[in-house]
Amino acid sequence: MRKPYLKLCVSGMASCALYILLYVYEREIMTAFTRTDGWYPLLPVIAALAFSFVHGAFASYFWDVLGITARRERG
């Protein structure tokens, strides 16, 4: 079985890019996330889901590359 090095690199760069964008646009993001009108209250939820999905994919590929997997049940 081949290890997912390319997927690890792509998801790692995507995760890194999200954190860089969060840092660079911190002021704009905080302004948008603290608004209470319209659809703005959903922005933190959407951002949390995006960060969770991208970082979760990176973490999964990271452990796969290291060869660490969940124990399988016998039976």
Protein backbone atom coordinates (compact mmCIF):
# COMPACT_ATOMS: atom_id res chain seq x y z
CA MET A 1 0.00 0.00 0.00
CA ARG A 2 1.39 3.36 -1.01
CA LYS A 3 1.55 6.13 1.55
CA PRO A 4 -0.42 9.31 0.77
CA TYR A 5 2.52 11.74 0.67
CA LEU A 6 0.94 14.00 -1.95
CA LYS A 7 -2.37 14.19 -0.07
CA LEU A 8 -0.45 14.94 3.13
CA CYS A 9 1.41 17.82 1.47
CA VAL A 10 -1.70 19.27 -0.19
CA SER A 11 -3.83 19.10 2.94
CA GLY A 12 -0.95 20.46 5.03
CA MET A 13 -0.55 23.43 2.69
CA ALA A 14 -4.33 24.02 2.74
CA SER A 15 -4.36 23.94 6.55
CA CYS A 16 -1.38 26.27 6.69
CA ALA A 17 -3.03 28.63 4.20
CA LEU A 18 -6.19 28.81 6.32
CA TYR A 19 -4.18 29.76 9.40
CA ILE A 20 -2.16 32.35 7.47
CA LEU A 21 -5.35 33.89 6.08
CA LEU A 22 -6.82 33.95 9.59
CA TYR A 23 -3.73 35.77 10.85
CA VAL A 24 -3.47 38.23 7.94
CA TYR A 25 -7.19 39.10 7.86
CA GLU A 26 -7.79 38.93 11.62
CA ARG A 27 -9.36 42.39 11.85
CA GLU A 28 -11.76 41.85 8.95
CA ILE A 29 -12.73 38.41 10.19
CA MET A 30 -13.43 39.64 13.72
CA THR A 31 -15.54 42.49 12.33
CA ALA A 32 -17.61 40.10 10.22
CA PHE A 33 -17.88 37.44 12.95
CA THR A 34 -19.20 39.87 15.56
CA ARG A 35 -22.04 41.23 13.41
CA THR A 36 -25.48 40.04 14.43
CA ASP A 37 -27.58 40.88 11.37
CA GLY A 38 -28.46 38.65 8.44
CA TRP A 39 -26.39 35.54 7.81
CA TYR A 40 -23.29 36.81 9.64
CA PRO A 41 -23.87 34.67 12.77
CA LEU A 42 -23.31 31.57 10.60
CA LEU A 43 -19.80 32.65 9.56
CA PRO A 44 -18.05 31.32 12.71
CA VAL A 45 -19.82 27.98 12.30
CA ILE A 46 -18.82 27.73 8.64
CA ALA A 47 -15.24 28.71 9.48
CA ALA A 48 -15.06 26.13 12.28
CA LEU A 49 -16.32 23.41 9.95
CA ALA A 50 -13.82 24.40 7.24
CA PHE A 51 -10.89 24.41 9.68
CA SER A 52 -12.05 21.12 11.19
CA PHE A 53 -12.40 19.40 7.81
CA VAL A 54 -9.07 20.60 6.39
CA HIS A 55 -7.07 20.03 9.58
CA GLY A 56 -8.76 16.65 10.12
CA ALA A 57 -7.77 15.53 6.63
CA PHE A 58 -4.19 16.64 7.26
CA ALA A 59 -4.06 14.81 10.61
CA SER A 60 -5.46 11.64 9.05
CA TYR A 61 -2.89 11.62 6.24
CA PHE A 62 -0.14 12.44 8.75
CA TRP A 63 -0.93 9.36 10.83
CA ASP A 64 -1.26 7.22 7.68
CA VAL A 65 2.20 8.28 6.53
CA LEU A 66 3.61 7.43 9.95
CA GLY A 67 1.90 4.03 9.74
CA ILE A 68 -0.23 4.51 12.84
CA THR A 69 -3.72 3.09 12.40
CA ALA A 70 -6.65 2.14 14.62
CA ARG A 71 -6.67 -1.35 16.01
CA ARG A 72 -9.11 -3.61 14.20
CA GLU A 73 -11.56 -5.76 16.10
CA ARG A 74 -11.18 -9.50 15.85
CA GLY A 75 -14.16 -11.61 15.14
